[in-house]
Amino acid sequence: MLKNSKLKTKLAWQRAAFLVACLLALSSVACVSPLNERGDPTTIALVETSSSMSASTLSTSSSLCAESISTAESELSVASGTTDDTSYSTAPSSTEHQPTSSRVARTSTSRTASTTTSTRRSTTKTAKSTSTKQSTTKTTASNKVTVTFIVECRNAVQRKHEFPGLEDKIDYMIEKKLCSPNGNMLKKTATFPRGTTVYDALLSLPLNVTVSTFNPGYIAAIGGLAEKEAGSYSGWVFLINGVFSMKGSTQCVLKNGDVIHWGYTIQKGDVK
């Protein structure tokens, strides 16, 4: 815009100069005309010379001014064309930026969608993993049973003076910490595989258990205290959840939450 303004100003000045030159030439011709009327050859020659110079000067000035004006107009036209081209070439530039921002927006949206999808997949995998772990835990838990064992010989401790040799046996067991002074030998809650029998579970406990040679599955002694040391009916019996079992220990399968009570009996019903 500044360049166009300068060119227009220059063109205006050149046109003004052209007009001034024309006026000066015409003035010189007008001033010499009266001399021509005198008829003096010298004067006539001078007038003709002046007229010729004025015409030549006028022609030269006109040519220069016309050339200058033409040059200025050409420059102005070129400048205008350049400006138009520039403005035209600039216009698409702003348009070309729009697809870039669109691409950026699409890329950002694509990345966001990809991140969201990845997060959902990760969450799904985590949920599946958690579900698998819970399922495995449940499956593992369902394959196990938790049982509480109580083993005691309170009847033998309380009546040790009534039977020969029983007192020495009880004192020895207390000394070796095989039982407490009141006859408690073991109380423990343990987990066993489903299908374990009372007999198998007893053998897995930290106790010194003796099995009958003539009657496999029959418990002959626990902690060194054997059957018939406190009379002919004495020995080891067990209860399941407080109920005396009519089956042998090898036939009773443990259930989750069972309480198995092994006690030394001297007479019927003294183990509760």
Protein backbone atom coordinates (compact mmCIF):
# COMPACT_ATOMS: atom_id res chain seq x y z
CA MET A 1 0.00 0.00 0.00
CA LEU A 2 2.84 2.46 0.87
CA LYS A 3 4.60 1.69 -2.40
CA ASN A 4 1.43 2.37 -4.45
CA SER A 5 0.95 5.70 -2.67
CA LYS A 6 4.51 6.80 -3.52
CA LEU A 7 4.06 5.82 -7.16
CA LYS A 8 0.81 7.72 -7.45
CA THR A 9 2.46 10.83 -5.90
CA LYS A 10 5.36 10.55 -8.34
CA LEU A 11 2.96 10.23 -11.28
CA ALA A 12 1.06 13.32 -10.15
CA TRP A 13 4.28 15.36 -9.89
CA GLN A 14 5.42 14.25 -13.35
CA ARG A 15 2.10 15.24 -14.89
CA ALA A 16 2.36 18.67 -13.20
CA ALA A 17 5.89 19.10 -14.54
CA PHE A 18 4.65 18.19 -18.03
CA LEU A 19 1.96 20.83 -17.84
CA VAL A 20 4.44 23.46 -16.56
CA ALA A 21 6.83 22.67 -19.42
CA CYS A 22 4.02 23.03 -21.93
CA LEU A 23 3.00 26.35 -20.47
CA LEU A 24 6.58 27.66 -20.52
CA ALA A 25 6.99 26.68 -24.18
CA LEU A 26 3.75 28.35 -25.15
CA SER A 27 4.77 31.49 -23.23
CA SER A 28 8.07 31.73 -25.07
CA VAL A 29 6.31 31.41 -28.42
CA ALA A 30 3.81 34.10 -27.44
CA CYS A 31 6.57 36.46 -26.35
CA VAL A 32 8.51 36.11 -29.62
CA SER A 33 5.46 36.53 -31.90
CA PRO A 34 5.43 40.44 -31.72
CA LEU A 35 9.01 40.56 -32.90
CA ASN A 36 8.06 38.64 -35.98
CA GLU A 37 5.69 41.38 -36.99
CA ARG A 38 8.56 43.94 -37.52
CA GLY A 39 9.82 42.23 -40.67
CA ASP A 40 13.49 42.52 -39.66
CA PRO A 41 15.40 39.58 -41.15
CA THR A 42 17.60 39.30 -38.08
CA THR A 43 14.59 39.44 -35.88
CA ILE A 44 12.78 36.94 -38.05
CA ALA A 45 15.73 34.58 -37.90
CA LEU A 46 15.90 35.01 -34.13
CA VAL A 47 12.19 34.37 -33.83
CA GLU A 48 12.40 31.28 -36.01
CA THR A 49 15.34 30.03 -34.01
CA SER A 50 13.51 30.66 -30.74
CA SER A 51 10.38 29.05 -32.12
CA SER A 52 12.38 26.06 -33.29
CA MET A 53 14.13 25.75 -29.92
CA SER A 54 10.84 26.21 -28.11
CA ALA A 55 9.21 23.55 -30.28
CA SER A 56 12.17 21.25 -29.78
CA THR A 57 12.17 21.93 -26.05
CA LEU A 58 8.45 21.41 -25.92
CA SER A 59 8.75 18.16 -27.89
CA THR A 60 11.63 16.92 -25.73
CA SER A 61 9.87 17.90 -22.49
CA SER A 62 6.68 16.32 -23.74
CA SER A 63 8.50 13.11 -24.64
CA LEU A 64 10.34 12.96 -21.31
CA CYS A 65 7.23 13.73 -19.32
CA ALA A 66 5.21 11.24 -21.34
CA GLU A 67 7.92 8.64 -20.89
CA SER A 68 8.12 9.35 -17.16
CA ILE A 69 4.36 9.22 -16.83
CA SER A 70 4.24 5.95 -18.80
CA THR A 71 7.03 4.48 -16.64
CA ALA A 72 5.28 5.58 -13.45
CA GLU A 73 1.99 4.11 -14.65
CA SER A 74 3.72 0.86 -15.55
CA GLU A 75 5.33 0.68 -12.12
CA LEU A 76 2.02 1.49 -10.52
CA SER A 77 0.32 -1.22 -12.59
CA VAL A 78 3.05 -3.74 -11.75
CA ALA A 79 2.89 -2.78 -8.09
CA SER A 80 -0.86 -3.15 -8.13
CA GLY A 81 -0.57 -6.51 -9.86
CA THR A 82 2.06 -7.66 -7.36
CA THR A 83 -0.14 -6.55 -4.53
CA ASP A 84 -3.07 -8.43 -5.99
CA ASP A 85 -0.93 -11.51 -6.55
CA THR A 86 0.43 -11.20 -3.06
CA SER A 87 -3.02 -10.87 -1.56
CA TYR A 88 -4.19 -13.75 -3.75
CA SER A 89 -1.30 -15.95 -2.74
CA THR A 90 -1.78 -15.03 0.88
CA ALA A 91 -5.46 -15.99 0.90
CA PRO A 92 -4.98 -19.72 0.28
CA SER A 93 -2.30 -19.71 2.96
CA SER A 94 -4.90 -19.11 5.64
CA THR A 95 -7.04 -21.75 3.99
CA GLU A 96 -4.18 -24.22 3.96
CA HIS A 97 -3.81 -23.89 7.73
CA GLN A 98 -7.29 -25.18 8.26
CA PRO A 99 -6.58 -28.79 7.16
CA THR A 100 -3.50 -28.77 9.39
CA SER A 101 -5.55 -27.84 12.45
CA SER A 102 -8.12 -30.38 11.33
CA ARG A 103 -5.41 -33.01 11.05
CA VAL A 104 -4.11 -32.05 14.49
CA ALA A 105 -7.65 -32.26 15.88
CA ARG A 106 -8.20 -35.61 14.17
CA THR A 107 -4.83 -36.89 15.35
CA SER A 108 -5.59 -35.71 18.87
CA THR A 109 -9.03 -37.30 18.71
CA SER A 110 -7.50 -40.50 17.31
CA ARG A 111 -4.89 -40.56 20.07
CA THR A 112 -7.57 -39.89 22.68
CA ALA A 113 -9.72 -42.68 21.24
CA SER A 114 -6.67 -44.97 21.14
CA THR A 115 -5.80 -44.09 24.74
CA THR A 116 -9.42 -44.64 25.82
CA THR A 117 -9.52 -47.97 23.99
CA SER A 118 -6.17 -48.97 25.53
CA THR A 119 -7.42 -47.94 28.98
CA ARG A 120 -10.64 -49.91 28.47
CA ARG A 121 -8.65 -52.93 27.33
CA SER A 122 -6.31 -52.57 30.30
CA THR A 123 -9.30 -52.24 32.63
CA THR A 124 -10.91 -55.26 30.99
CA LYS A 125 -7.71 -57.26 31.35
CA THR A 126 -7.40 -56.17 34.99
CA ALA A 127 -11.04 -57.10 35.62
CA LYS A 128 -10.52 -60.45 33.91
CA SER A 129 -7.33 -61.01 35.88
CA THR A 130 -9.09 -60.12 39.12
CA SER A 131 -12.02 -62.33 38.17
CA THR A 132 -9.61 -65.17 37.34
CA LYS A 133 -7.81 -64.71 40.65
CA GLN A 134 -11.10 -64.66 42.54
CA SER A 135 -12.28 -67.70 40.63
CA THR A 136 -8.99 -69.47 41.35
CA THR A 137 -9.23 -68.48 45.02
CA LYS A 138 -12.80 -69.74 45.19
CA THR A 139 -11.83 -72.94 43.43
CA THR A 140 -8.86 -73.39 45.74
CA ALA A 141 -11.00 -72.61 48.78
CA SER A 142 -13.67 -75.04 47.61
CA ASN A 143 -11.02 -77.77 47.45
CA LYS A 144 -10.04 -77.24 51.10
CA VAL A 145 -11.76 -77.75 54.44
CA THR A 146 -10.90 -76.04 57.69
CA VAL A 147 -11.25 -78.20 60.80
CA THR A 148 -10.53 -77.69 64.52
CA PHE A 149 -8.92 -80.57 66.44
CA ILE A 150 -9.05 -80.99 70.21
CA VAL A 151 -7.00 -83.79 71.82
CA GLU A 152 -7.04 -84.30 75.63
CA CYS A 153 -6.65 -86.92 78.38
CA ARG A 154 -8.35 -85.14 81.28
CA ASN A 155 -10.05 -88.31 82.58
CA ALA A 156 -6.70 -90.08 82.93
CA VAL A 157 -5.13 -87.08 84.72
CA GLN A 158 -8.04 -86.75 87.14
CA ARG A 159 -8.11 -90.50 87.98
CA LYS A 160 -4.42 -91.39 87.69
CA HIS A 161 -4.27 -92.52 91.34
CA GLU A 162 -6.93 -95.19 90.76
CA PHE A 163 -4.93 -97.38 88.40
CA PRO A 164 -1.49 -98.88 88.98
CA GLY A 165 1.20 -97.33 86.77
CA LEU A 166 -1.10 -94.64 85.40
CA GLU A 167 0.24 -91.98 87.74
CA ASP A 168 3.81 -92.53 86.60
CA LYS A 169 2.70 -92.42 83.00
CA ILE A 170 0.82 -89.10 83.44
CA ASP A 171 3.70 -87.52 85.36
CA TYR A 172 6.08 -88.51 82.59
CA MET A 173 3.79 -87.00 79.93
CA ILE A 174 3.52 -83.74 81.89
CA GLU A 175 7.30 -83.64 82.36
CA LYS A 176 7.89 -84.13 78.64
CA LYS A 177 5.18 -81.59 77.85
CA LEU A 178 3.15 -84.15 75.99
CA CYS A 179 0.17 -82.85 77.94
CA SER A 180 -0.62 -80.05 80.37
CA PRO A 181 -1.22 -80.62 84.12
CA ASN A 182 -4.96 -80.51 83.46
CA GLY A 183 -4.73 -83.03 80.59
CA ASN A 184 -4.88 -80.83 77.46
CA MET A 185 -2.67 -82.16 74.69
CA LEU A 186 -3.55 -80.18 71.53
CA LYS A 187 -6.03 -77.66 70.16
CA LYS A 188 -5.42 -76.62 66.58
CA THR A 189 -7.35 -75.31 63.59
CA ALA A 190 -5.92 -76.61 60.32
CA THR A 191 -6.82 -76.80 56.63
CA PHE A 192 -6.97 -80.14 54.84
CA PRO A 193 -7.76 -81.21 51.29
CA ARG A 194 -11.39 -82.06 50.71
CA GLY A 195 -11.94 -85.80 51.19
CA THR A 196 -9.48 -86.15 54.07
CA THR A 197 -10.62 -88.59 56.76
CA VAL A 198 -10.48 -88.09 60.52
CA TYR A 199 -7.83 -90.79 60.70
CA ASP A 200 -5.55 -89.16 58.06
CA ALA A 201 -5.94 -85.74 59.63
CA LEU A 202 -4.98 -87.06 63.09
CA LEU A 203 -1.81 -88.64 61.73
CA SER A 204 -0.80 -85.31 60.14
CA LEU A 205 -0.92 -83.46 63.47
CA PRO A 206 2.22 -82.92 65.62
CA LEU A 207 1.38 -85.80 67.96
CA ASN A 208 2.94 -89.17 68.71
CA VAL A 209 0.18 -91.46 67.41
CA THR A 210 0.34 -95.27 67.58
CA VAL A 211 -1.89 -97.34 65.31
CA SER A 212 -3.01 -100.88 66.24
CA THR A 213 -1.05 -103.61 64.46
CA PHE A 214 -3.99 -106.03 64.44
CA ASN A 215 -6.68 -103.48 63.61
CA PRO A 216 -5.48 -100.95 60.97
CA GLY A 217 -7.16 -97.58 61.44
CA TYR A 218 -7.65 -98.12 65.15
CA ILE A 219 -5.78 -95.64 67.40
CA ALA A 220 -3.99 -97.60 70.12
CA ALA A 221 -2.11 -94.72 71.83
CA ILE A 222 -1.57 -90.92 71.63
CA GLY A 223 1.41 -89.27 73.32
CA GLY A 224 2.39 -92.57 74.92
CA LEU A 225 -0.94 -93.04 76.74
CA ALA A 226 -2.35 -96.37 75.47
CA GLU A 227 -5.65 -98.16 75.71
CA LYS A 228 -6.54 -100.28 78.83
CA GLU A 229 -3.99 -98.42 81.06
CA ALA A 230 -6.96 -97.14 83.10
CA GLY A 231 -9.12 -100.29 83.05
CA SER A 232 -10.28 -102.77 80.46
CA TYR A 233 -12.65 -100.30 78.81
CA SER A 234 -10.25 -97.40 78.61
CA GLY A 235 -8.96 -96.07 75.29
CA TRP A 236 -9.21 -93.32 72.66
CA VAL A 237 -12.53 -92.25 71.15
CA PHE A 238 -13.57 -89.25 69.02
CA LEU A 239 -16.60 -87.01 68.64
CA ILE A 240 -17.58 -84.94 65.57
CA ASN A 241 -19.20 -81.64 66.52
CA GLY A 242 -19.96 -83.02 70.00
CA VAL A 243 -21.54 -86.24 68.72
CA PHE A 244 -19.97 -89.64 69.30
CA SER A 245 -19.30 -91.34 65.96
CA MET A 246 -20.47 -94.88 65.34
CA LYS A 247 -18.06 -95.19 62.40
CA GLY A 248 -14.35 -95.74 62.44
CA SER A 249 -11.97 -92.81 61.91
CA THR A 250 -11.03 -94.12 58.46
CA GLN A 251 -14.66 -93.91 57.32
CA CYS A 252 -15.45 -90.40 58.54
CA VAL A 253 -14.67 -87.65 55.97
CA LEU A 254 -13.97 -84.15 57.23
CA LYS A 255 -16.33 -81.30 56.39
CA ASN A 256 -15.57 -77.63 56.48
CA GLY A 257 -16.03 -76.19 59.98
CA ASP A 258 -16.01 -79.55 61.77
CA VAL A 259 -14.75 -79.79 65.35
CA ILE A 260 -13.08 -83.15 65.99
CA HIS A 261 -12.64 -84.05 69.63
CA TRP A 262 -10.33 -86.91 70.60
CA GLY A 263 -10.46 -87.91 74.28
CA TYR A 264 -9.25 -90.70 76.55
CA THR A 265 -12.22 -92.57 78.01
CA ILE A 266 -12.27 -94.65 81.20
CA GLN A 267 -15.99 -95.22 81.41
CA LYS A 268 -18.82 -94.71 78.98
CA GLY A 269 -19.94 -91.10 78.46
CA ASP A 270 -17.01 -89.40 80.26
CA VAL A 271 -15.71 -87.82 77.01
CA LYS A 272 -17.85 -84.79 76.12
